[in-house]
Amino acid sequence: MFPYTHYLFDLDGTLIDSAPAILASFREAFARAGVAPVRAIDASVIGPPLVETLQLLAGRTDAALIDTLAGHFKASYDTTGYQATAAYAGVGEMLARLKGAGRYLAIATNKRLHPTGLILAHLGWDGYFDAVYALDRFTPRLPDKAAMIARLVADEGVPRDGAVYIGDRSEDGESADANGLPFIATTWGYGSLTPADLKPHWRAVNTPAELG
């Protein structure tokens, strides 16, 4: 039924619809800092790490400003904001089926580790995953998702011939490629991967039921 033994997942836009919570906290961060964003705060900005997104929205890389914005964002999102996160319909059932079949499940996400843990507990999913990796799980912080997946594979002894990475953005597919893993694109997320965006060796699924 399940062709792989190890399933590695992106989080935002793949398993969860975190847009309402994230965007509300971004707006609150800019309002508290008294700074106007230079581009719209909408779902198109979701996916990259926090600092990278704040720099994009602020149109500046000034460390003091970005630190201030990041502090306001975390104060909002890490207290109550994350609770507005919802699972995509059918994802919980899909995870339960995979876990019930004895498969290894892990997360490799650009989201910070602390709110990732809060969200998994909030959704009742903290018992599903054998490992949860984020860029800031390590010191120094990992540089990108490809390096994070490589660290997960090495640390956890994930067999490359039995594993798959699942995400919603081109970055996810490229990170899977960098690690010699097959990639499945979820088309319901924020990445908006179209058939034209898919490399010939990537697969796409339209619903969690199809993925499961």
N, C-alpha and C. Protein backbone atom coordinates (compact mmCIF):
# COMPACT_ATOMS: atom_id res chain seq x y z
N MET A 1 0.84 -1.20 0.00
CA MET A 1 0.00 0.00 0.00
C MET A 1 0.87 1.26 0.00
N PHE A 2 1.95 1.28 0.81
CA PHE A 2 2.80 2.45 0.90
C PHE A 2 4.18 2.09 0.35
N PRO A 3 4.59 2.70 -0.76
CA PRO A 3 5.82 2.27 -1.43
C PRO A 3 7.11 2.65 -0.72
N TYR A 4 7.04 3.60 0.22
CA TYR A 4 8.25 4.03 0.92
C TYR A 4 8.18 3.60 2.38
N THR A 5 9.35 3.50 3.01
CA THR A 5 9.40 3.18 4.44
C THR A 5 9.55 4.44 5.29
N HIS A 6 10.09 5.51 4.68
CA HIS A 6 10.38 6.75 5.40
C HIS A 6 9.77 7.94 4.66
N TYR A 7 8.91 8.68 5.36
CA TYR A 7 8.21 9.82 4.77
C TYR A 7 8.65 11.10 5.48
N LEU A 8 9.31 11.98 4.74
CA LEU A 8 9.81 13.25 5.28
C LEU A 8 8.95 14.37 4.73
N PHE A 9 8.42 15.21 5.62
CA PHE A 9 7.44 16.22 5.23
C PHE A 9 7.93 17.64 5.49
N ASP A 10 7.62 18.53 4.56
CA ASP A 10 7.58 19.95 4.84
C ASP A 10 6.36 20.17 5.74
N LEU A 11 6.21 21.37 6.30
CA LEU A 11 5.08 21.61 7.21
C LEU A 11 4.10 22.64 6.65
N ASP A 12 4.51 23.91 6.60
CA ASP A 12 3.61 24.97 6.11
C ASP A 12 3.23 24.73 4.64
N GLY A 13 1.95 24.74 4.36
CA GLY A 13 1.50 24.58 3.00
C GLY A 13 1.48 23.14 2.53
N THR A 14 1.95 22.23 3.36
CA THR A 14 1.97 20.81 3.02
C THR A 14 1.05 20.03 3.95
N LEU A 15 1.27 20.17 5.24
CA LEU A 15 0.42 19.51 6.24
C LEU A 15 -0.57 20.48 6.88
N ILE A 16 -0.16 21.74 7.00
CA ILE A 16 -0.99 22.70 7.72
C ILE A 16 -1.22 23.98 6.91
N ASP A 17 -2.39 24.57 7.14
CA ASP A 17 -2.71 25.88 6.60
C ASP A 17 -2.41 26.89 7.71
N SER A 18 -1.20 27.40 7.68
CA SER A 18 -0.75 28.31 8.73
C SER A 18 -0.87 29.77 8.32
N ALA A 19 -1.38 30.03 7.12
CA ALA A 19 -1.41 31.40 6.59
C ALA A 19 -2.13 32.38 7.51
N PRO A 20 -3.36 32.10 7.96
CA PRO A 20 -4.04 33.10 8.80
C PRO A 20 -3.23 33.49 10.03
N ALA A 21 -2.64 32.52 10.70
CA ALA A 21 -1.88 32.80 11.92
C ALA A 21 -0.60 33.56 11.61
N ILE A 22 0.14 33.12 10.61
CA ILE A 22 1.42 33.74 10.28
C ILE A 22 1.22 35.18 9.80
N LEU A 23 0.26 35.37 8.90
CA LEU A 23 0.05 36.70 8.33
C LEU A 23 -0.43 37.68 9.39
N ALA A 24 -1.28 37.22 10.30
CA ALA A 24 -1.75 38.09 11.37
C ALA A 24 -0.58 38.53 12.26
N SER A 25 0.33 37.61 12.53
CA SER A 25 1.48 37.96 13.38
C SER A 25 2.48 38.86 12.65
N PHE A 26 2.64 38.67 11.34
CA PHE A 26 3.48 39.60 10.57
C PHE A 26 2.89 41.00 10.61
N ARG A 27 1.58 41.12 10.41
CA ARG A 27 0.94 42.44 10.43
C ARG A 27 1.10 43.09 11.81
N GLU A 28 0.94 42.29 12.85
CA GLU A 28 1.08 42.82 14.20
C GLU A 28 2.51 43.27 14.46
N ALA A 29 3.48 42.53 13.96
CA ALA A 29 4.88 42.88 14.16
C ALA A 29 5.20 44.23 13.53
N PHE A 30 4.74 44.44 12.32
CA PHE A 30 5.02 45.71 11.64
C PHE A 30 4.27 46.87 12.31
N ALA A 31 3.05 46.60 12.75
CA ALA A 31 2.28 47.64 13.42
C ALA A 31 2.96 48.06 14.72
N ARG A 32 3.42 47.09 15.50
CA ARG A 32 4.07 47.39 16.77
C ARG A 32 5.39 48.14 16.57
N ALA A 33 6.08 47.82 15.47
CA ALA A 33 7.35 48.48 15.20
C ALA A 33 7.16 49.85 14.55
N GLY A 34 5.92 50.15 14.13
CA GLY A 34 5.65 51.42 13.47
C GLY A 34 6.31 51.51 12.11
N VAL A 35 6.40 50.38 11.42
CA VAL A 35 7.06 50.31 10.12
C VAL A 35 6.05 49.81 9.09
N ALA A 36 6.07 50.43 7.91
CA ALA A 36 5.17 50.00 6.84
C ALA A 36 5.88 48.97 5.96
N PRO A 37 5.29 47.80 5.72
CA PRO A 37 5.91 46.83 4.82
C PRO A 37 5.94 47.37 3.40
N VAL A 38 6.94 46.94 2.63
CA VAL A 38 7.09 47.45 1.26
C VAL A 38 6.34 46.59 0.24
N ARG A 39 5.77 45.48 0.69
CA ARG A 39 4.97 44.63 -0.19
C ARG A 39 3.83 44.04 0.61
N ALA A 40 2.86 43.52 -0.09
CA ALA A 40 1.67 42.98 0.57
C ALA A 40 2.03 41.81 1.46
N ILE A 41 1.41 41.79 2.63
CA ILE A 41 1.57 40.64 3.54
C ILE A 41 0.47 39.65 3.19
N ASP A 42 0.81 38.72 2.30
CA ASP A 42 -0.17 37.72 1.86
C ASP A 42 0.51 36.36 1.78
N ALA A 43 -0.23 35.36 1.34
CA ALA A 43 0.26 33.98 1.38
C ALA A 43 1.51 33.76 0.53
N SER A 44 1.80 34.66 -0.40
CA SER A 44 2.97 34.48 -1.25
C SER A 44 4.28 34.58 -0.48
N VAL A 45 4.25 35.16 0.72
CA VAL A 45 5.49 35.32 1.50
C VAL A 45 5.75 34.14 2.43
N ILE A 46 4.83 33.21 2.52
CA ILE A 46 4.97 32.09 3.45
C ILE A 46 5.87 31.02 2.86
N GLY A 47 6.78 30.52 3.67
CA GLY A 47 7.66 29.44 3.24
C GLY A 47 9.09 29.63 3.64
N PRO A 48 9.72 30.78 3.29
CA PRO A 48 11.12 31.00 3.69
C PRO A 48 11.25 31.17 5.20
N PRO A 49 12.50 31.10 5.71
CA PRO A 49 12.72 31.33 7.14
C PRO A 49 12.27 32.73 7.55
N LEU A 50 12.03 32.90 8.86
CA LEU A 50 11.47 34.14 9.40
C LEU A 50 12.29 35.38 9.03
N VAL A 51 13.58 35.35 9.28
CA VAL A 51 14.41 36.54 9.02
C VAL A 51 14.39 36.91 7.55
N GLU A 52 14.48 35.91 6.68
CA GLU A 52 14.44 36.17 5.24
C GLU A 52 13.12 36.82 4.83
N THR A 53 12.01 36.36 5.40
CA THR A 53 10.71 36.93 5.07
C THR A 53 10.58 38.35 5.61
N LEU A 54 11.07 38.59 6.81
CA LEU A 54 11.01 39.95 7.37
C LEU A 54 11.84 40.92 6.54
N GLN A 55 12.99 40.49 6.07
CA GLN A 55 13.81 41.35 5.21
C GLN A 55 13.08 41.66 3.91
N LEU A 56 12.40 40.67 3.36
CA LEU A 56 11.64 40.87 2.14
C LEU A 56 10.51 41.87 2.35
N LEU A 57 9.78 41.71 3.46
CA LEU A 57 8.66 42.60 3.74
C LEU A 57 9.10 44.01 4.09
N ALA A 58 10.22 44.12 4.80
CA ALA A 58 10.71 45.43 5.22
C ALA A 58 11.46 46.15 4.10
N GLY A 59 11.96 45.36 3.14
CA GLY A 59 12.77 45.96 2.09
C GLY A 59 14.12 46.42 2.59
N ARG A 60 14.52 45.89 3.74
CA ARG A 60 15.78 46.28 4.38
C ARG A 60 16.40 45.08 5.08
N THR A 61 17.70 45.15 5.28
CA THR A 61 18.41 44.08 5.99
C THR A 61 19.02 44.58 7.29
N ASP A 62 18.67 45.79 7.69
CA ASP A 62 19.19 46.37 8.93
C ASP A 62 18.95 45.43 10.10
N ALA A 63 20.03 45.01 10.75
CA ALA A 63 19.93 43.98 11.79
C ALA A 63 19.06 44.42 12.95
N ALA A 64 19.17 45.66 13.38
CA ALA A 64 18.39 46.13 14.52
C ALA A 64 16.90 46.12 14.21
N LEU A 65 16.55 46.56 13.02
CA LEU A 65 15.14 46.56 12.64
C LEU A 65 14.60 45.14 12.53
N ILE A 66 15.35 44.27 11.88
CA ILE A 66 14.89 42.89 11.70
C ILE A 66 14.76 42.19 13.05
N ASP A 67 15.69 42.46 13.96
CA ASP A 67 15.60 41.86 15.30
C ASP A 67 14.34 42.35 16.03
N THR A 68 14.03 43.64 15.87
CA THR A 68 12.83 44.19 16.50
C THR A 68 11.58 43.55 15.93
N LEU A 69 11.51 43.46 14.61
CA LEU A 69 10.36 42.84 13.96
C LEU A 69 10.23 41.36 14.36
N ALA A 70 11.35 40.67 14.40
CA ALA A 70 11.32 39.25 14.77
C ALA A 70 10.82 39.08 16.21
N GLY A 71 11.25 39.97 17.10
CA GLY A 71 10.78 39.90 18.48
C GLY A 71 9.29 40.10 18.59
N HIS A 72 8.76 41.07 17.85
CA HIS A 72 7.31 41.31 17.87
C HIS A 72 6.55 40.13 17.26
N PHE A 73 7.09 39.57 16.18
CA PHE A 73 6.44 38.42 15.55
C PHE A 73 6.37 37.25 16.52
N LYS A 74 7.48 36.93 17.16
CA LYS A 74 7.52 35.79 18.08
C LYS A 74 6.60 36.02 19.27
N ALA A 75 6.54 37.25 19.77
CA ALA A 75 5.67 37.55 20.91
C ALA A 75 4.22 37.29 20.56
N SER A 76 3.86 37.53 19.31
CA SER A 76 2.48 37.29 18.87
C SER A 76 2.25 35.82 18.54
N TYR A 77 3.10 35.28 17.66
CA TYR A 77 2.87 33.95 17.11
C TYR A 77 3.08 32.84 18.13
N ASP A 78 4.09 32.98 18.99
CA ASP A 78 4.46 31.90 19.90
C ASP A 78 3.61 31.87 21.17
N THR A 79 2.72 32.82 21.33
CA THR A 79 1.86 32.82 22.52
C THR A 79 0.46 32.30 22.18
N THR A 80 -0.25 33.05 21.38
CA THR A 80 -1.60 32.62 21.00
C THR A 80 -1.79 32.54 19.49
N GLY A 81 -0.95 33.25 18.73
CA GLY A 81 -1.15 33.32 17.29
C GLY A 81 -1.16 31.98 16.59
N TYR A 82 -0.25 31.10 16.98
CA TYR A 82 -0.13 29.79 16.32
C TYR A 82 -1.41 28.96 16.43
N GLN A 83 -2.25 29.27 17.42
CA GLN A 83 -3.46 28.48 17.63
C GLN A 83 -4.48 28.62 16.50
N ALA A 84 -4.28 29.61 15.62
CA ALA A 84 -5.16 29.76 14.46
C ALA A 84 -4.76 28.83 13.32
N THR A 85 -3.71 28.05 13.52
CA THR A 85 -3.26 27.10 12.49
C THR A 85 -4.25 25.95 12.36
N ALA A 86 -4.52 25.56 11.13
CA ALA A 86 -5.45 24.46 10.87
C ALA A 86 -4.77 23.40 10.01
N ALA A 87 -5.18 22.16 10.19
CA ALA A 87 -4.71 21.08 9.32
C ALA A 87 -5.52 21.09 8.04
N TYR A 88 -4.87 20.80 6.94
CA TYR A 88 -5.62 20.61 5.70
C TYR A 88 -6.51 19.38 5.84
N ALA A 89 -7.70 19.46 5.28
CA ALA A 89 -8.65 18.35 5.39
C ALA A 89 -8.03 17.07 4.87
N GLY A 90 -8.10 16.03 5.67
CA GLY A 90 -7.60 14.72 5.27
C GLY A 90 -6.17 14.44 5.67
N VAL A 91 -5.43 15.46 6.09
CA VAL A 91 -4.02 15.24 6.43
C VAL A 91 -3.89 14.40 7.70
N GLY A 92 -4.68 14.71 8.72
CA GLY A 92 -4.60 13.93 9.95
C GLY A 92 -4.87 12.45 9.71
N GLU A 93 -5.87 12.17 8.89
CA GLU A 93 -6.19 10.78 8.57
C GLU A 93 -5.05 10.11 7.79
N MET A 94 -4.45 10.85 6.88
CA MET A 94 -3.34 10.32 6.10
C MET A 94 -2.15 9.99 7.00
N LEU A 95 -1.83 10.89 7.94
CA LEU A 95 -0.73 10.63 8.86
C LEU A 95 -1.01 9.41 9.75
N ALA A 96 -2.25 9.30 10.19
CA ALA A 96 -2.63 8.17 11.03
C ALA A 96 -2.48 6.85 10.28
N ARG A 97 -2.84 6.85 8.99
CA ARG A 97 -2.71 5.63 8.19
C ARG A 97 -1.25 5.25 8.02
N LEU A 98 -0.42 6.23 7.73
CA LEU A 98 1.00 5.95 7.56
C LEU A 98 1.62 5.43 8.85
N LYS A 99 1.30 6.10 9.96
CA LYS A 99 1.85 5.67 11.24
C LYS A 99 1.33 4.29 11.62
N GLY A 100 0.05 4.06 11.36
CA GLY A 100 -0.54 2.76 11.66
C GLY A 100 0.07 1.64 10.85
N ALA A 101 0.61 1.98 9.69
CA ALA A 101 1.27 0.99 8.84
C ALA A 101 2.73 0.79 9.21
N GLY A 102 3.15 1.45 10.28
CA GLY A 102 4.51 1.27 10.78
C GLY A 102 5.56 2.06 10.03
N ARG A 103 5.15 3.11 9.32
CA ARG A 103 6.11 3.90 8.56
C ARG A 103 6.79 4.94 9.45
N TYR A 104 8.00 5.30 9.08
CA TYR A 104 8.77 6.35 9.76
C TYR A 104 8.31 7.69 9.20
N LEU A 105 7.97 8.62 10.09
CA LEU A 105 7.53 9.95 9.68
C LEU A 105 8.43 11.00 10.31
N ALA A 106 8.81 12.01 9.53
CA ALA A 106 9.64 13.10 10.06
C ALA A 106 9.23 14.40 9.40
N ILE A 107 9.56 15.50 10.06
CA ILE A 107 9.33 16.83 9.52
C ILE A 107 10.67 17.52 9.31
N ALA A 108 10.82 18.19 8.16
CA ALA A 108 11.97 19.04 7.89
C ALA A 108 11.41 20.37 7.39
N THR A 109 11.41 21.37 8.25
CA THR A 109 10.69 22.61 7.97
C THR A 109 11.56 23.86 8.17
N ASN A 110 11.26 24.90 7.40
CA ASN A 110 11.91 26.20 7.61
C ASN A 110 11.34 26.93 8.82
N LYS A 111 10.19 26.47 9.33
CA LYS A 111 9.60 27.09 10.51
C LYS A 111 10.53 26.87 11.70
N ARG A 112 10.53 27.81 12.63
CA ARG A 112 11.34 27.63 13.83
C ARG A 112 10.87 26.42 14.64
N LEU A 113 11.80 25.82 15.36
CA LEU A 113 11.50 24.58 16.08
C LEU A 113 10.44 24.78 17.16
N HIS A 114 10.53 25.90 17.92
CA HIS A 114 9.61 26.09 19.04
C HIS A 114 8.14 26.14 18.60
N PRO A 115 7.76 27.01 17.66
CA PRO A 115 6.35 27.00 17.25
C PRO A 115 5.94 25.72 16.52
N THR A 116 6.90 25.06 15.87
CA THR A 116 6.57 23.78 15.24
C THR A 116 6.08 22.79 16.29
N GLY A 117 6.79 22.71 17.41
CA GLY A 117 6.36 21.83 18.49
C GLY A 117 5.02 22.22 19.06
N LEU A 118 4.79 23.53 19.21
CA LEU A 118 3.51 24.00 19.73
C LEU A 118 2.36 23.60 18.81
N ILE A 119 2.58 23.74 17.51
CA ILE A 119 1.52 23.43 16.54
C ILE A 119 1.24 21.93 16.50
N LEU A 120 2.27 21.12 16.51
CA LEU A 120 2.06 19.66 16.49
C LEU A 120 1.26 19.23 17.72
N ALA A 121 1.57 19.79 18.87
CA ALA A 121 0.82 19.46 20.08
C ALA A 121 -0.61 19.98 19.98
N HIS A 122 -0.78 21.19 19.45
CA HIS A 122 -2.11 21.79 19.30
C HIS A 122 -3.01 20.94 18.43
N LEU A 123 -2.44 20.33 17.37
CA LEU A 123 -3.21 19.51 16.45
C LEU A 123 -3.30 18.05 16.89
N GLY A 124 -2.61 17.70 17.96
CA GLY A 124 -2.62 16.31 18.43
C GLY A 124 -1.76 15.39 17.59
N TRP A 125 -0.76 15.96 16.93
CA TRP A 125 0.10 15.19 16.03
C TRP A 125 1.47 14.89 16.60
N ASP A 126 1.75 15.32 17.82
CA ASP A 126 3.11 15.18 18.33
C ASP A 126 3.54 13.72 18.48
N GLY A 127 2.60 12.80 18.50
CA GLY A 127 2.95 11.39 18.60
C GLY A 127 3.20 10.72 17.27
N TYR A 128 2.97 11.42 16.16
CA TYR A 128 3.11 10.82 14.83
C TYR A 128 4.55 10.81 14.33
N PHE A 129 5.36 11.78 14.75
CA PHE A 129 6.63 12.00 14.09
C PHE A 129 7.81 11.47 14.90
N ASP A 130 8.67 10.72 14.20
CA ASP A 130 9.86 10.16 14.82
C ASP A 130 10.96 11.20 14.98
N ALA A 131 10.94 12.23 14.16
CA ALA A 131 11.93 13.30 14.24
C ALA A 131 11.33 14.58 13.69
N VAL A 132 11.71 15.70 14.29
CA VAL A 132 11.28 17.02 13.83
C VAL A 132 12.53 17.89 13.69
N TYR A 133 12.82 18.29 12.47
CA TYR A 133 14.01 19.08 12.19
C TYR A 133 13.63 20.47 11.70
N ALA A 134 14.35 21.46 12.20
CA ALA A 134 14.19 22.85 11.77
C ALA A 134 15.59 23.45 11.64
N LEU A 135 15.69 24.55 10.89
CA LEU A 135 17.00 25.16 10.69
C LEU A 135 17.65 25.58 12.00
N ASP A 136 16.82 26.02 12.96
CA ASP A 136 17.37 26.51 14.23
C ASP A 136 17.47 25.43 15.30
N ARG A 137 17.32 24.19 14.91
CA ARG A 137 17.52 23.10 15.88
C ARG A 137 18.99 23.01 16.28
N PHE A 138 19.87 23.52 15.44
CA PHE A 138 21.31 23.37 15.65
C PHE A 138 21.99 24.73 15.79
N THR A 139 23.15 24.71 16.46
CA THR A 139 24.00 25.89 16.57
C THR A 139 25.38 25.54 16.02
N PRO A 140 25.86 26.21 14.97
CA PRO A 140 25.16 27.30 14.28
C PRO A 140 23.96 26.80 13.50
N ARG A 141 23.07 27.73 13.22
CA ARG A 141 21.86 27.43 12.47
C ARG A 141 22.21 26.87 11.10
N LEU A 142 21.45 25.86 10.66
CA LEU A 142 21.71 25.28 9.35
C LEU A 142 21.40 26.30 8.26
N PRO A 143 22.13 26.27 7.15
CA PRO A 143 21.99 27.32 6.13
C PRO A 143 20.74 27.22 5.27
N ASP A 144 20.24 26.02 5.03
CA ASP A 144 19.10 25.88 4.13
C ASP A 144 18.45 24.51 4.30
N LYS A 145 17.37 24.30 3.56
CA LYS A 145 16.60 23.07 3.72
C LYS A 145 17.37 21.84 3.21
N ALA A 146 18.15 22.01 2.15
CA ALA A 146 18.94 20.87 1.66
C ALA A 146 19.89 20.36 2.73
N ALA A 147 20.53 21.29 3.43
CA ALA A 147 21.45 20.90 4.51
C ALA A 147 20.69 20.25 5.67
N MET A 148 19.47 20.74 5.92
CA MET A 148 18.66 20.18 7.00
C MET A 148 18.26 18.74 6.69
N ILE A 149 17.82 18.50 5.47
CA ILE A 149 17.45 17.14 5.09
C ILE A 149 18.66 16.22 5.15
N ALA A 150 19.81 16.72 4.71
CA ALA A 150 21.03 15.91 4.78
C ALA A 150 21.36 15.54 6.23
N ARG A 151 21.19 16.50 7.14
CA ARG A 151 21.47 16.23 8.55
C ARG A 151 20.47 15.22 9.11
N LEU A 152 19.20 15.35 8.76
CA LEU A 152 18.17 14.42 9.21
C LEU A 152 18.49 13.00 8.73
N VAL A 153 18.81 12.88 7.44
CA VAL A 153 19.11 11.57 6.85
C VAL A 153 20.30 10.93 7.56
N ALA A 154 21.34 11.73 7.82
CA ALA A 154 22.53 11.19 8.47
C ALA A 154 22.27 10.82 9.92
N ASP A 155 21.62 11.72 10.66
CA ASP A 155 21.38 11.49 12.08
C ASP A 155 20.47 10.31 12.33
N GLU A 156 19.43 10.21 11.51
CA GLU A 156 18.38 9.22 11.74
C GLU A 156 18.60 7.91 10.98
N GLY A 157 19.65 7.85 10.17
CA GLY A 157 19.90 6.65 9.39
C GLY A 157 18.81 6.36 8.38
N VAL A 158 18.29 7.42 7.77
CA VAL A 158 17.21 7.27 6.78
C VAL A 158 17.77 6.67 5.49
N PRO A 159 17.22 5.56 5.01
CA PRO A 159 17.71 4.96 3.77
C PRO A 159 17.23 5.74 2.56
N ARG A 160 18.15 6.21 1.75
CA ARG A 160 17.77 7.03 0.60
C ARG A 160 16.94 6.25 -0.41
N ASP A 161 17.11 4.93 -0.45
CA ASP A 161 16.34 4.15 -1.41
C ASP A 161 14.95 3.79 -0.89
N GLY A 162 14.61 4.23 0.34
CA GLY A 162 13.28 3.93 0.88
C GLY A 162 12.55 5.15 1.38
N ALA A 163 13.10 6.34 1.05
CA ALA A 163 12.54 7.57 1.61
C ALA A 163 12.03 8.49 0.50
N VAL A 164 11.14 9.41 0.90
CA VAL A 164 10.59 10.41 -0.01
C VAL A 164 10.43 11.72 0.76
N TYR A 165 10.62 12.86 0.05
CA TYR A 165 10.35 14.16 0.66
C TYR A 165 9.11 14.74 0.00
N ILE A 166 8.24 15.33 0.83
CA ILE A 166 6.94 15.83 0.37
C ILE A 166 6.82 17.29 0.76
N GLY A 167 6.55 18.16 -0.22
CA GLY A 167 6.44 19.59 0.06
C GLY A 167 5.63 20.30 -1.01
N ASP A 168 5.56 21.63 -0.89
CA ASP A 168 4.69 22.40 -1.79
C ASP A 168 5.42 23.45 -2.61
N ARG A 169 6.75 23.52 -2.50
CA ARG A 169 7.51 24.57 -3.18
C ARG A 169 8.65 23.99 -3.99
N SER A 170 9.10 24.76 -4.99
CA SER A 170 10.23 24.31 -5.79
C SER A 170 11.46 24.07 -4.92
N GLU A 171 11.63 24.91 -3.87
CA GLU A 171 12.75 24.73 -2.95
C GLU A 171 12.72 23.34 -2.34
N ASP A 172 11.53 22.84 -2.05
CA ASP A 172 11.41 21.51 -1.46
C ASP A 172 11.91 20.44 -2.43
N GLY A 173 11.49 20.56 -3.69
CA GLY A 173 11.92 19.59 -4.70
C GLY A 173 13.41 19.65 -4.94
N GLU A 174 13.96 20.86 -5.00
CA GLU A 174 15.39 21.01 -5.21
C GLU A 174 16.20 20.48 -4.03
N SER A 175 15.65 20.65 -2.83
CA SER A 175 16.33 20.12 -1.64
C SER A 175 16.29 18.59 -1.62
N ALA A 176 15.18 18.03 -2.08
CA ALA A 176 15.11 16.57 -2.20
C ALA A 176 16.12 16.08 -3.23
N ASP A 177 16.18 16.77 -4.38
CA ASP A 177 17.14 16.39 -5.42
C ASP A 177 18.57 16.42 -4.89
N ALA A 178 18.90 17.45 -4.10
CA ALA A 178 20.25 17.60 -3.58
C ALA A 178 20.64 16.43 -2.68
N ASN A 179 19.63 15.73 -2.15
CA ASN A 179 19.88 14.61 -1.26
C ASN A 179 19.57 13.26 -1.88
N GLY A 180 19.31 13.27 -3.17
CA GLY A 180 19.04 12.01 -3.86
C GLY A 180 17.75 11.35 -3.47
N LEU A 181 16.75 12.17 -3.06
CA LEU A 181 15.46 11.63 -2.65
C LEU A 181 14.40 11.96 -3.69
N PRO A 182 13.44 11.06 -3.91
CA PRO A 182 12.30 11.42 -4.76
C PRO A 182 11.47 12.51 -4.09
N PHE A 183 10.73 13.26 -4.89
CA PHE A 183 9.95 14.38 -4.39
C PHE A 183 8.52 14.28 -4.87
N ILE A 184 7.58 14.51 -3.93
CA ILE A 184 6.16 14.60 -4.26
C ILE A 184 5.68 15.99 -3.90
N ALA A 185 5.11 16.69 -4.87
CA ALA A 185 4.60 18.05 -4.66
C ALA A 185 3.13 18.00 -4.29
N THR A 186 2.77 18.72 -3.23
CA THR A 186 1.37 18.85 -2.84
C THR A 186 0.83 20.15 -3.44
N THR A 187 -0.15 20.04 -4.30
CA THR A 187 -0.61 21.21 -5.05
C THR A 187 -1.62 22.05 -4.29
N TRP A 188 -1.99 21.64 -3.08
CA TRP A 188 -2.97 22.43 -2.31
C TRP A 188 -2.29 23.49 -1.44
N GLY A 189 -0.97 23.56 -1.44
CA GLY A 189 -0.26 24.47 -0.54
C GLY A 189 -0.01 25.84 -1.12
N TYR A 190 0.97 26.55 -0.53
CA TYR A 190 1.26 27.93 -0.91
C TYR A 190 2.24 28.02 -2.08
N GLY A 191 2.98 26.94 -2.33
CA GLY A 191 4.00 26.99 -3.37
C GLY A 191 3.45 27.17 -4.76
N SER A 192 2.19 26.77 -4.96
CA SER A 192 1.51 26.94 -6.25
C SER A 192 2.32 26.35 -7.40
N LEU A 193 2.85 25.16 -7.21
CA LEU A 193 3.57 24.50 -8.28
C LEU A 193 2.59 24.08 -9.37
N THR A 194 2.85 24.50 -10.58
CA THR A 194 2.02 24.13 -11.73
C THR A 194 2.70 22.98 -12.46
N PRO A 195 1.98 22.31 -13.36
CA PRO A 195 2.63 21.24 -14.14
C PRO A 195 3.91 21.72 -14.83
N ALA A 196 3.92 22.99 -15.27
CA ALA A 196 5.10 23.52 -15.94
C ALA A 196 6.28 23.67 -14.99
N ASP A 197 6.01 23.80 -13.69
CA ASP A 197 7.06 23.98 -12.70
C ASP A 197 7.73 22.66 -12.32
N LEU A 198 7.07 21.56 -12.60
CA LEU A 198 7.54 20.27 -12.13
C LEU A 198 8.65 19.72 -13.02
N LYS A 199 9.73 19.30 -12.41
CA LYS A 199 10.75 18.59 -13.16
C LYS A 199 10.21 17.22 -13.56
N PRO A 200 10.73 16.64 -14.63
CA PRO A 200 10.17 15.37 -15.12
C PRO A 200 10.14 14.25 -14.09
N HIS A 201 11.08 14.26 -13.15
CA HIS A 201 11.15 13.17 -12.18
C HIS A 201 10.38 13.48 -10.90
N TRP A 202 9.74 14.66 -10.80
CA TRP A 202 8.90 14.98 -9.66
C TRP A 202 7.48 14.49 -9.91
N ARG A 203 6.79 14.14 -8.84
CA ARG A 203 5.38 13.77 -8.93
C ARG A 203 4.55 14.82 -8.20
N ALA A 204 3.27 14.89 -8.53
CA ALA A 204 2.36 15.83 -7.86
C ALA A 204 1.10 15.11 -7.45
N VAL A 205 0.56 15.52 -6.32
CA VAL A 205 -0.73 14.98 -5.85
C VAL A 205 -1.64 16.17 -5.52
N ASN A 206 -2.93 15.98 -5.71
CA ASN A 206 -3.89 17.07 -5.55
C ASN A 206 -4.65 17.05 -4.24
N THR A 207 -4.63 15.92 -3.52
CA THR A 207 -5.34 15.82 -2.25
C THR A 207 -4.54 14.95 -1.29
N PRO A 208 -4.73 15.13 0.03
CA PRO A 208 -4.09 14.23 0.98
C PRO A 208 -4.49 12.78 0.80
N ALA A 209 -5.73 12.55 0.38
CA ALA A 209 -6.17 11.17 0.15
C ALA A 209 -5.36 10.53 -0.97
N GLU A 210 -5.09 11.30 -2.02
CA GLU A 210 -4.27 10.78 -3.11
C GLU A 210 -2.85 10.49 -2.66
N LEU A 211 -2.31 11.37 -1.82
CA LEU A 211 -0.98 11.15 -1.28
C LEU A 211 -0.96 9.90 -0.41
N GLY A 212 -1.98 9.74 0.44
CA GLY A 212 -2.03 8.58 1.33
C GLY A 212 -2.20 7.27 0.60
